[in-house]
Amino acid sequence: MSLKPNNLQTKVPLFVTIPHSGEEIPECAMWLKGLPEVVLMGDVDRFVDRLYLPVIEEIGLLSVKTRWHRYAADLNRLSTDVDEEAVVGSSHKKGTFPRGFHWVYNTQNEKILNQPLTTLQHEQLVKLVYEPFHHDIHEAYKLYENEGYKKIYHLDLHSMPSVGTNQHRDPGQLRADIVISDSHGTSCDKKFLELVVASFKSENLSIAYNWPYFGGRLTEQYGQPNIGHNVLQIELNRSLYMNELTKQLVEDKANPLTEKLTKIIKNIYNNL
């Protein structure tokens, strides 16, 4: 986990989470070891941490990320989001959570997990992956609350395929450059949403709002504007910076995008 950069600033209560850029496979998730790279990286938010790193370091933003692969334990889910195809003895029927806390199928509908995990394996992944990540998020909120801030702003950073698959809500549809989600208007106050949308638009990026993503469990759990906790989920279109077939970074695209993201996050930071 990464909670406090060395030059952490607390004068603006803004922090980021990056739950899906990790590529490391835990020892207790050996079923992932034999997968081809193109399959293994198909749903990872590959390079998202790298794209935002310059502005995180420049501003000294507090950030929380993981090194672990999302197919083993998806941090934008609850640890209870498992069905009987994922964990032995689950009370949820087969098919309830095909892409839950443990991914059984990927978004190409390829089977990733061939047999359900034991309760012990599930608990190991909860302790290794889920609990430390969410502990750090709670610590981030606590840090700013202890500084006396009444409003805290949290960006949950992701990436998305440029075209929806048949496992998405928008099969075959070309997507906007950026999707901004707030759990159907419940996870943040209106001013924060407007600032973030305007900041991305200022760099000539097309925006979609709450489609095809509404926000995941992170926005649901932590987005409580009634107590000053404001969360937005941000999805980057992968065609902006990578080859979606090979899952490799395209430097000529990534470098200008990094510059845009730096300007965007700095604008948000400077106007809160």
C-alpha atoms as a PDB file:
ATOM      1  CA  MET A   1       0.000   0.000   0.000  1.00  0.00           C
ATOM      2  CA  SER A   2       1.028   3.604  -0.469  1.00  0.00           C
ATOM      3  CA  LEU A   3      -0.502   6.016   1.992  1.00  0.00           C
ATOM      4  CA  LYS A   4       1.832   8.942   2.574  1.00  0.00           C
ATOM      5  CA  PRO A   5       4.216  10.343  -0.037  1.00  0.00           C
ATOM      6  CA  ASN A   6       7.268  11.962   1.574  1.00  0.00           C
ATOM      7  CA  ASN A   7       6.086  15.447   0.623  1.00  0.00           C
ATOM      8  CA  LEU A   8       2.472  14.953   1.737  1.00  0.00           C
ATOM      9  CA  GLN A   9       0.549  18.191   1.931  1.00  0.00           C
ATOM     10  CA  THR A  10      -2.552  18.531   4.091  1.00  0.00           C
ATOM     11  CA  LYS A  11      -3.564  22.066   3.125  1.00  0.00           C
ATOM     12  CA  VAL A  12      -6.130  20.680   0.649  1.00  0.00           C
ATOM     13  CA  PRO A  13      -8.151  17.631   1.765  1.00  0.00           C
ATOM     14  CA  LEU A  14      -7.889  15.705  -1.517  1.00  0.00           C
ATOM     15  CA  PHE A  15      -6.615  12.155  -1.948  1.00  0.00           C
ATOM     16  CA  VAL A  16      -6.775   9.388  -4.537  1.00  0.00           C
ATOM     17  CA  THR A  17      -7.252   5.633  -4.575  1.00  0.00           C
ATOM     18  CA  ILE A  18      -6.018   3.328  -7.330  1.00  0.00           C
ATOM     19  CA  PRO A  19      -7.458  -0.130  -6.603  1.00  0.00           C
ATOM     20  CA  HIS A  20      -6.938  -1.955  -9.902  1.00  0.00           C
ATOM     21  CA  SER A  21      -3.457  -1.172 -11.253  1.00  0.00           C
ATOM     22  CA  GLY A  22      -1.684  -3.922  -9.301  1.00  0.00           C
ATOM     23  CA  GLU A  23      -0.245  -6.809 -11.312  1.00  0.00           C
ATOM     24  CA  GLU A  24       1.314  -9.006  -8.635  1.00  0.00           C
ATOM     25  CA  ILE A  25      -0.268 -12.419  -8.033  1.00  0.00           C
ATOM     26  CA  PRO A  26      -0.498 -13.541  -4.402  1.00  0.00           C
ATOM     27  CA  GLU A  27       0.923 -16.967  -3.571  1.00  0.00           C
ATOM     28  CA  CYS A  28      -2.565 -18.062  -2.508  1.00  0.00           C
ATOM     29  CA  ALA A  29      -3.931 -17.225  -5.981  1.00  0.00           C
ATOM     30  CA  MET A  30      -1.928 -19.752  -7.964  1.00  0.00           C
ATOM     31  CA  TRP A  31      -4.793 -20.335 -10.417  1.00  0.00           C
ATOM     32  CA  LEU A  32      -3.779 -17.087 -12.100  1.00  0.00           C
ATOM     33  CA  LYS A  33      -0.150 -18.065 -12.685  1.00  0.00           C
ATOM     34  CA  GLY A  34      -0.660 -19.883 -15.991  1.00  0.00           C
ATOM     35  CA  LEU A  35      -2.803 -17.295 -17.741  1.00  0.00           C
ATOM     36  CA  PRO A  36      -1.399 -15.603 -20.881  1.00  0.00           C
ATOM     37  CA  GLU A  37      -0.446 -11.956 -20.311  1.00  0.00           C
ATOM     38  CA  VAL A  38      -3.145 -10.637 -22.653  1.00  0.00           C
ATOM     39  CA  VAL A  39      -5.805 -12.495 -20.624  1.00  0.00           C
ATOM     40  CA  LEU A  40      -4.235 -11.691 -17.260  1.00  0.00           C
ATOM     41  CA  MET A  41      -4.051  -7.980 -18.070  1.00  0.00           C
ATOM     42  CA  GLY A  42      -7.449  -7.796 -19.775  1.00  0.00           C
ATOM     43  CA  ASP A  43      -9.246  -6.109 -16.882  1.00  0.00           C
ATOM     44  CA  VAL A  44      -6.343  -4.618 -14.962  1.00  0.00           C
ATOM     45  CA  ASP A  45      -6.167  -0.819 -14.894  1.00  0.00           C
ATOM     46  CA  ARG A  46      -2.677  -1.151 -16.272  1.00  0.00           C
ATOM     47  CA  PHE A  47      -0.517   2.010 -16.146  1.00  0.00           C
ATOM     48  CA  VAL A  48      -3.147   4.127 -14.365  1.00  0.00           C
ATOM     49  CA  ASP A  49      -0.808   4.544 -11.395  1.00  0.00           C
ATOM     50  CA  ARG A  50       1.996   5.587 -13.754  1.00  0.00           C
ATOM     51  CA  LEU A  51      -0.164   8.144 -15.577  1.00  0.00           C
ATOM     52  CA  TYR A  52      -1.112   9.943 -12.369  1.00  0.00           C
ATOM     53  CA  LEU A  53       2.211   9.540 -10.560  1.00  0.00           C
ATOM     54  CA  PRO A  54       3.793  12.840 -11.718  1.00  0.00           C
ATOM     55  CA  VAL A  55       0.968  14.962 -10.310  1.00  0.00           C
ATOM     56  CA  ILE A  56       0.731  12.840  -7.151  1.00  0.00           C
ATOM     57  CA  GLU A  57       4.419  13.508  -6.527  1.00  0.00           C
ATOM     58  CA  GLU A  58       4.350  17.161  -7.602  1.00  0.00           C
ATOM     59  CA  ILE A  59       1.451  18.128  -5.360  1.00  0.00           C
ATOM     60  CA  GLY A  60       2.262  15.635  -2.635  1.00  0.00           C
ATOM     61  CA  LEU A  61      -1.146  14.002  -2.834  1.00  0.00           C
ATOM     62  CA  LEU A  62      -1.977  11.281  -0.406  1.00  0.00           C
ATOM     63  CA  SER A  63      -2.614   8.104  -2.410  1.00  0.00           C
ATOM     64  CA  VAL A  64      -3.748   4.584  -1.627  1.00  0.00           C
ATOM     65  CA  LYS A  65      -3.023   1.791  -4.083  1.00  0.00           C
ATOM     66  CA  THR A  66      -2.310  -1.909  -4.105  1.00  0.00           C
ATOM     67  CA  ARG A  67       0.228  -4.133  -5.785  1.00  0.00           C
ATOM     68  CA  TRP A  68      -2.167  -7.084  -5.961  1.00  0.00           C
ATOM     69  CA  HIS A  69      -4.055  -8.318  -9.022  1.00  0.00           C
ATOM     70  CA  ARG A  70      -7.793  -7.620  -9.089  1.00  0.00           C
ATOM     71  CA  TYR A  71      -8.750 -11.093 -10.340  1.00  0.00           C
ATOM     72  CA  ALA A  72      -7.525 -12.500  -7.013  1.00  0.00           C
ATOM     73  CA  ALA A  73      -9.252  -9.888  -4.857  1.00  0.00           C
ATOM     74  CA  ASP A  74     -11.111  -6.912  -6.282  1.00  0.00           C
ATOM     75  CA  LEU A  75     -10.900  -3.894  -4.005  1.00  0.00           C
ATOM     76  CA  ASN A  76     -13.863  -2.159  -5.645  1.00  0.00           C
ATOM     77  CA  ARG A  77     -16.090  -4.901  -4.248  1.00  0.00           C
ATOM     78  CA  LEU A  78     -17.098  -5.923  -0.755  1.00  0.00           C
ATOM     79  CA  SER A  79     -15.255  -8.968   0.561  1.00  0.00           C
ATOM     80  CA  THR A  80     -18.691 -10.627   0.829  1.00  0.00           C
ATOM     81  CA  ASP A  81     -19.380 -10.196  -2.911  1.00  0.00           C
ATOM     82  CA  VAL A  82     -18.799 -13.885  -3.643  1.00  0.00           C
ATOM     83  CA  ASP A  83     -21.061 -16.661  -4.885  1.00  0.00           C
ATOM     84  CA  GLU A  84     -20.852 -20.451  -4.691  1.00  0.00           C
ATOM     85  CA  GLU A  85     -18.760 -20.554  -7.872  1.00  0.00           C
ATOM     86  CA  ALA A  86     -16.171 -18.329  -6.177  1.00  0.00           C
ATOM     87  CA  VAL A  87     -16.077 -19.608  -2.583  1.00  0.00           C
ATOM     88  CA  VAL A  88     -17.190 -22.951  -1.166  1.00  0.00           C
ATOM     89  CA  GLY A  89     -20.245 -22.586   1.037  1.00  0.00           C
ATOM     90  CA  SER A  90     -21.255 -19.106  -0.119  1.00  0.00           C
ATOM     91  CA  SER A  91     -24.910 -18.293   0.436  1.00  0.00           C
ATOM     92  CA  HIS A  92     -25.076 -16.571  -2.953  1.00  0.00           C
ATOM     93  CA  LYS A  93     -26.105 -18.687  -5.944  1.00  0.00           C
ATOM     94  CA  LYS A  94     -23.869 -19.356  -8.938  1.00  0.00           C
ATOM     95  CA  GLY A  95     -23.798 -16.385 -11.281  1.00  0.00           C
ATOM     96  CA  THR A  96     -24.572 -13.787  -8.611  1.00  0.00           C
ATOM     97  CA  PHE A  97     -21.029 -12.386  -8.592  1.00  0.00           C
ATOM     98  CA  PRO A  98     -19.182 -13.570 -11.738  1.00  0.00           C
ATOM     99  CA  ARG A  99     -16.905 -10.544 -11.352  1.00  0.00           C
ATOM    100  CA  GLY A 100     -17.153 -10.115  -7.620  1.00  0.00           C
ATOM    101  CA  PHE A 101     -14.448 -10.036  -4.973  1.00  0.00           C
ATOM    102  CA  HIS A 102     -12.862 -13.044  -6.723  1.00  0.00           C
ATOM    103  CA  TRP A 103     -13.329 -12.976 -10.487  1.00  0.00           C
ATOM    104  CA  VAL A 104     -14.798 -16.186 -11.891  1.00  0.00           C
ATOM    105  CA  TYR A 105     -15.210 -14.809 -15.434  1.00  0.00           C
ATOM    106  CA  ASN A 106     -13.536 -11.855 -17.101  1.00  0.00           C
ATOM    107  CA  THR A 107     -15.279  -9.260 -19.264  1.00  0.00           C
ATOM    108  CA  GLN A 108     -14.648 -11.422 -22.337  1.00  0.00           C
ATOM    109  CA  ASN A 109     -16.674 -14.132 -20.558  1.00  0.00           C
ATOM    110  CA  GLU A 110     -13.582 -16.352 -20.275  1.00  0.00           C
ATOM    111  CA  LYS A 111     -13.483 -18.467 -17.127  1.00  0.00           C
ATOM    112  CA  ILE A 112     -10.688 -17.369 -14.794  1.00  0.00           C
ATOM    113  CA  LEU A 113     -11.444 -19.427 -11.677  1.00  0.00           C
ATOM    114  CA  ASN A 114     -12.023 -23.109 -12.442  1.00  0.00           C
ATOM    115  CA  GLN A 115     -12.966 -24.220  -8.943  1.00  0.00           C
ATOM    116  CA  PRO A 116     -14.247 -22.318  -5.937  1.00  0.00           C
ATOM    117  CA  LEU A 117     -11.845 -21.195  -3.238  1.00  0.00           C
ATOM    118  CA  THR A 118     -11.935 -22.687   0.204  1.00  0.00           C
ATOM    119  CA  THR A 119     -13.058 -20.458   3.048  1.00  0.00           C
ATOM    120  CA  LEU A 120      -9.435 -20.394   4.236  1.00  0.00           C
ATOM    121  CA  GLN A 121      -8.157 -19.165   0.834  1.00  0.00           C
ATOM    122  CA  HIS A 122     -10.837 -16.483   0.775  1.00  0.00           C
ATOM    123  CA  GLU A 123      -9.948 -15.320   4.289  1.00  0.00           C
ATOM    124  CA  GLN A 124      -6.243 -15.214   3.384  1.00  0.00           C
ATOM    125  CA  LEU A 125      -6.985 -12.863   0.492  1.00  0.00           C
ATOM    126  CA  VAL A 126      -9.240 -10.697   2.635  1.00  0.00           C
ATOM    127  CA  LYS A 127      -6.422 -10.253   5.157  1.00  0.00           C
ATOM    128  CA  LEU A 128      -3.668  -9.820   2.574  1.00  0.00           C
ATOM    129  CA  VAL A 129      -5.420  -7.519   0.097  1.00  0.00           C
ATOM    130  CA  TYR A 130      -8.735  -6.114   1.298  1.00  0.00           C
ATOM    131  CA  GLU A 131      -8.092  -5.194   4.907  1.00  0.00           C
ATOM    132  CA  PRO A 132      -4.814  -3.245   4.430  1.00  0.00           C
ATOM    133  CA  PHE A 133      -6.195  -1.240   1.506  1.00  0.00           C
ATOM    134  CA  HIS A 134      -9.378  -0.231   3.285  1.00  0.00           C
ATOM    135  CA  HIS A 135      -7.500   0.413   6.509  1.00  0.00           C
ATOM    136  CA  ASP A 136      -5.407   2.968   4.615  1.00  0.00           C
ATOM    137  CA  ILE A 137      -8.512   4.656   3.205  1.00  0.00           C
ATOM    138  CA  HIS A 138      -9.960   5.003   6.697  1.00  0.00           C
ATOM    139  CA  GLU A 139      -6.618   6.420   7.838  1.00  0.00           C
ATOM    140  CA  ALA A 140      -6.721   8.964   5.004  1.00  0.00           C
ATOM    141  CA  TYR A 141     -10.120  10.243   6.082  1.00  0.00           C
ATOM    142  CA  LYS A 142      -8.997  10.259   9.708  1.00  0.00           C
ATOM    143  CA  LEU A 143      -5.885  12.259   8.835  1.00  0.00           C
ATOM    144  CA  TYR A 144      -7.890  15.071   7.283  1.00  0.00           C
ATOM    145  CA  GLU A 145     -10.572  14.974   9.961  1.00  0.00           C
ATOM    146  CA  ASN A 146      -7.862  15.312  12.608  1.00  0.00           C
ATOM    147  CA  GLU A 147      -6.632  18.393  10.714  1.00  0.00           C
ATOM    148  CA  GLY A 148     -10.093  19.874  11.238  1.00  0.00           C
ATOM    149  CA  TYR A 149     -11.466  19.585   7.710  1.00  0.00           C
ATOM    150  CA  LYS A 150     -15.245  19.295   7.437  1.00  0.00           C
ATOM    151  CA  LYS A 151     -15.163  18.269   3.761  1.00  0.00           C
ATOM    152  CA  ILE A 152     -12.823  15.674   2.272  1.00  0.00           C
ATOM    153  CA  TYR A 153     -12.485  14.933  -1.446  1.00  0.00           C
ATOM    154  CA  HIS A 154     -11.598  11.514  -2.818  1.00  0.00           C
ATOM    155  CA  LEU A 155     -10.972  10.496  -6.450  1.00  0.00           C
ATOM    156  CA  ASP A 156     -11.133   6.779  -7.198  1.00  0.00           C
ATOM    157  CA  LEU A 157      -9.039   6.270 -10.347  1.00  0.00           C
ATOM    158  CA  HIS A 158      -9.675   3.571 -12.951  1.00  0.00           C
ATOM    159  CA  SER A 159      -9.476   2.733 -16.652  1.00  0.00           C
ATOM    160  CA  MET A 160     -11.923   1.158 -19.091  1.00  0.00           C
ATOM    161  CA  PRO A 161     -11.985  -0.500 -22.520  1.00  0.00           C
ATOM    162  CA  SER A 162     -12.750   1.867 -25.382  1.00  0.00           C
ATOM    163  CA  VAL A 163     -15.685  -0.318 -26.469  1.00  0.00           C
ATOM    164  CA  GLY A 164     -18.099  -2.168 -24.208  1.00  0.00           C
ATOM    165  CA  THR A 165     -18.034  -5.966 -24.376  1.00  0.00           C
ATOM    166  CA  ASN A 166     -21.115  -8.179 -24.240  1.00  0.00           C
ATOM    167  CA  GLN A 167     -20.526  -8.437 -20.489  1.00  0.00           C
ATOM    168  CA  HIS A 168     -20.903  -4.667 -20.040  1.00  0.00           C
ATOM    169  CA  ARG A 169     -24.021  -2.478 -19.967  1.00  0.00           C
ATOM    170  CA  ASP A 170     -23.061  -0.954 -23.330  1.00  0.00           C
ATOM    171  CA  PRO A 171     -22.022  -3.822 -25.610  1.00  0.00           C
ATOM    172  CA  GLY A 172     -20.390  -2.616 -28.818  1.00  0.00           C
ATOM    173  CA  GLN A 173     -20.677   1.072 -27.921  1.00  0.00           C
ATOM    174  CA  LEU A 174     -17.752   3.446 -28.334  1.00  0.00           C
ATOM    175  CA  ARG A 175     -17.065   5.188 -25.063  1.00  0.00           C
ATOM    176  CA  ALA A 176     -16.197   8.730 -24.070  1.00  0.00           C
ATOM    177  CA  ASP A 177     -12.645   9.643 -23.092  1.00  0.00           C
ATOM    178  CA  ILE A 178     -13.670   9.900 -19.443  1.00  0.00           C
ATOM    179  CA  VAL A 179     -16.545   8.452 -17.425  1.00  0.00           C
ATOM    180  CA  ILE A 180     -17.279  10.234 -14.151  1.00  0.00           C
ATOM    181  CA  SER A 181     -19.540   8.416 -11.688  1.00  0.00           C
ATOM    182  CA  ASP A 182     -21.112   9.364  -8.373  1.00  0.00           C
ATOM    183  CA  SER A 183     -23.378   6.414  -7.535  1.00  0.00           C
ATOM    184  CA  HIS A 184     -26.434   8.024  -9.133  1.00  0.00           C
ATOM    185  CA  GLY A 185     -25.801  11.392  -7.517  1.00  0.00           C
ATOM    186  CA  THR A 186     -25.298  10.116  -3.971  1.00  0.00           C
ATOM    187  CA  SER A 187     -21.522  10.009  -3.392  1.00  0.00           C
ATOM    188  CA  CYS A 188     -20.484  13.672  -3.500  1.00  0.00           C
ATOM    189  CA  ASP A 189     -21.766  17.208  -3.408  1.00  0.00           C
ATOM    190  CA  LYS A 190     -22.695  19.005  -6.616  1.00  0.00           C
ATOM    191  CA  LYS A 191     -19.860  21.541  -6.491  1.00  0.00           C
ATOM    192  CA  PHE A 192     -17.181  18.835  -6.413  1.00  0.00           C
ATOM    193  CA  LEU A 193     -18.789  17.045  -9.354  1.00  0.00           C
ATOM    194  CA  GLU A 194     -18.995  20.276 -11.349  1.00  0.00           C
ATOM    195  CA  LEU A 195     -15.351  21.132 -10.626  1.00  0.00           C
ATOM    196  CA  VAL A 196     -14.108  17.702 -11.691  1.00  0.00           C
ATOM    197  CA  VAL A 197     -16.205  17.664 -14.883  1.00  0.00           C
ATOM    198  CA  ALA A 198     -15.058  21.183 -15.826  1.00  0.00           C
ATOM    199  CA  SER A 199     -11.418  20.285 -15.147  1.00  0.00           C
ATOM    200  CA  PHE A 200     -11.483  17.321 -17.518  1.00  0.00           C
ATOM    201  CA  LYS A 201     -13.396  19.268 -20.158  1.00  0.00           C
ATOM    202  CA  SER A 202     -10.789  22.036 -20.000  1.00  0.00           C
ATOM    203  CA  GLU A 203      -8.315  19.577 -21.572  1.00  0.00           C
ATOM    204  CA  ASN A 204     -10.693  18.775 -24.445  1.00  0.00           C
ATOM    205  CA  LEU A 205     -11.608  15.327 -23.149  1.00  0.00           C
ATOM    206  CA  SER A 206     -15.110  14.029 -23.843  1.00  0.00           C
ATOM    207  CA  ILE A 207     -17.110  13.190 -20.720  1.00  0.00           C
ATOM    208  CA  ALA A 208     -19.855  10.707 -19.923  1.00  0.00           C
ATOM    209  CA  TYR A 209     -21.680  10.834 -16.593  1.00  0.00           C
ATOM    210  CA  ASN A 210     -22.769   7.658 -14.792  1.00  0.00           C
ATOM    211  CA  TRP A 211     -22.715   5.623 -17.996  1.00  0.00           C
ATOM    212  CA  PRO A 212     -21.806   2.853 -18.469  1.00  0.00           C
ATOM    213  CA  TYR A 213     -20.381   2.955 -14.929  1.00  0.00           C
ATOM    214  CA  PHE A 214     -22.350   4.238 -11.955  1.00  0.00           C
ATOM    215  CA  GLY A 215     -19.544   3.904  -9.419  1.00  0.00           C
ATOM    216  CA  GLY A 216     -18.428   0.810  -7.536  1.00  0.00           C
ATOM    217  CA  ARG A 217     -18.314  -0.276  -3.948  1.00  0.00           C
ATOM    218  CA  LEU A 218     -15.706   2.371  -3.098  1.00  0.00           C
ATOM    219  CA  THR A 219     -18.024   5.225  -4.034  1.00  0.00           C
ATOM    220  CA  GLU A 220     -20.885   3.445  -2.265  1.00  0.00           C
ATOM    221  CA  GLN A 221     -18.902   2.837   0.919  1.00  0.00           C
ATOM    222  CA  TYR A 222     -17.047   6.101   1.252  1.00  0.00           C
ATOM    223  CA  GLY A 223     -19.211   8.607  -0.581  1.00  0.00           C
ATOM    224  CA  GLN A 224     -21.163  10.201   2.265  1.00  0.00           C
ATOM    225  CA  PRO A 225     -21.544  13.900   1.473  1.00  0.00           C
ATOM    226  CA  ASN A 226     -23.841  14.294   4.487  1.00  0.00           C
ATOM    227  CA  ILE A 227     -20.741  13.902   6.689  1.00  0.00           C
ATOM    228  CA  GLY A 228     -18.408  15.670   4.251  1.00  0.00           C
ATOM    229  CA  HIS A 229     -16.973  12.620   2.478  1.00  0.00           C
ATOM    230  CA  ASN A 230     -17.106  13.277  -1.277  1.00  0.00           C
ATOM    231  CA  VAL A 231     -16.096  10.542  -3.718  1.00  0.00           C
ATOM    232  CA  LEU A 232     -16.032  10.357  -7.513  1.00  0.00           C
ATOM    233  CA  GLN A 233     -15.023   7.425  -9.686  1.00  0.00           C
ATOM    234  CA  ILE A 234     -12.973   8.384 -12.752  1.00  0.00           C
ATOM    235  CA  GLU A 235     -12.571   6.009 -15.710  1.00  0.00           C
ATOM    236  CA  LEU A 236      -9.920   6.672 -18.380  1.00  0.00           C
ATOM    237  CA  ASN A 237     -10.496   5.309 -21.877  1.00  0.00           C
ATOM    238  CA  ARG A 238      -7.573   2.924 -22.490  1.00  0.00           C
ATOM    239  CA  SER A 239      -7.315   3.864 -26.153  1.00  0.00           C
ATOM    240  CA  LEU A 240      -5.938   7.220 -24.961  1.00  0.00           C
ATOM    241  CA  TYR A 241      -2.668   5.673 -23.819  1.00  0.00           C
ATOM    242  CA  MET A 242      -2.276   1.974 -24.634  1.00  0.00           C
ATOM    243  CA  ASN A 243      -2.604  -0.720 -27.278  1.00  0.00           C
ATOM    244  CA  GLU A 244      -5.708  -2.529 -26.091  1.00  0.00           C
ATOM    245  CA  LEU A 245      -4.834  -5.737 -27.963  1.00  0.00           C
ATOM    246  CA  THR A 246      -1.303  -6.165 -26.621  1.00  0.00           C
ATOM    247  CA  LYS A 247      -1.954  -4.342 -23.301  1.00  0.00           C
ATOM    248  CA  GLN A 248       1.236  -2.322 -23.823  1.00  0.00           C
ATOM    249  CA  LEU A 249       1.755   1.385 -23.184  1.00  0.00           C
ATOM    250  CA  VAL A 250       1.994   3.678 -26.207  1.00  0.00           C
ATOM    251  CA  GLU A 251       4.457   6.348 -25.095  1.00  0.00           C
ATOM    252  CA  ASP A 252       3.487   8.848 -27.800  1.00  0.00           C
ATOM    253  CA  LYS A 253      -0.058   8.819 -26.430  1.00  0.00           C
ATOM    254  CA  ALA A 254       0.693   8.323 -22.748  1.00  0.00           C
ATOM    255  CA  ASN A 255       3.071  11.255 -22.326  1.00  0.00           C
ATOM    256  CA  PRO A 256       0.630  13.948 -23.557  1.00  0.00           C
ATOM    257  CA  LEU A 257      -2.152  12.333 -21.518  1.00  0.00           C
ATOM    258  CA  THR A 258       0.014  12.445 -18.394  1.00  0.00           C
ATOM    259  CA  GLU A 259       0.531  16.174 -18.978  1.00  0.00           C
ATOM    260  CA  LYS A 260      -3.223  16.673 -19.296  1.00  0.00           C
ATOM    261  CA  LEU A 261      -3.950  14.668 -16.154  1.00  0.00           C
ATOM    262  CA  THR A 262      -1.385  16.700 -14.249  1.00  0.00           C
ATOM    263  CA  LYS A 263      -3.112  19.938 -15.265  1.00  0.00           C
ATOM    264  CA  ILE A 264      -6.531  18.492 -14.445  1.00  0.00           C
ATOM    265  CA  ILE A 265      -5.673  17.273 -10.961  1.00  0.00           C
ATOM    266  CA  LYS A 266      -3.809  20.486 -10.179  1.00  0.00           C
ATOM    267  CA  ASN A 267      -6.849  22.495 -11.246  1.00  0.00           C
ATOM    268  CA  ILE A 268      -9.085  20.424  -8.980  1.00  0.00           C
ATOM    269  CA  TYR A 269      -6.602  20.759  -6.119  1.00  0.00           C
ATOM    270  CA  ASN A 270      -6.230  24.511  -6.547  1.00  0.00           C
ATOM    271  CA  ASN A 271      -9.978  25.169  -6.667  1.00  0.00           C
ATOM    272  CA  LEU A 272     -11.196  23.169  -3.702  1.00  0.00           C
END
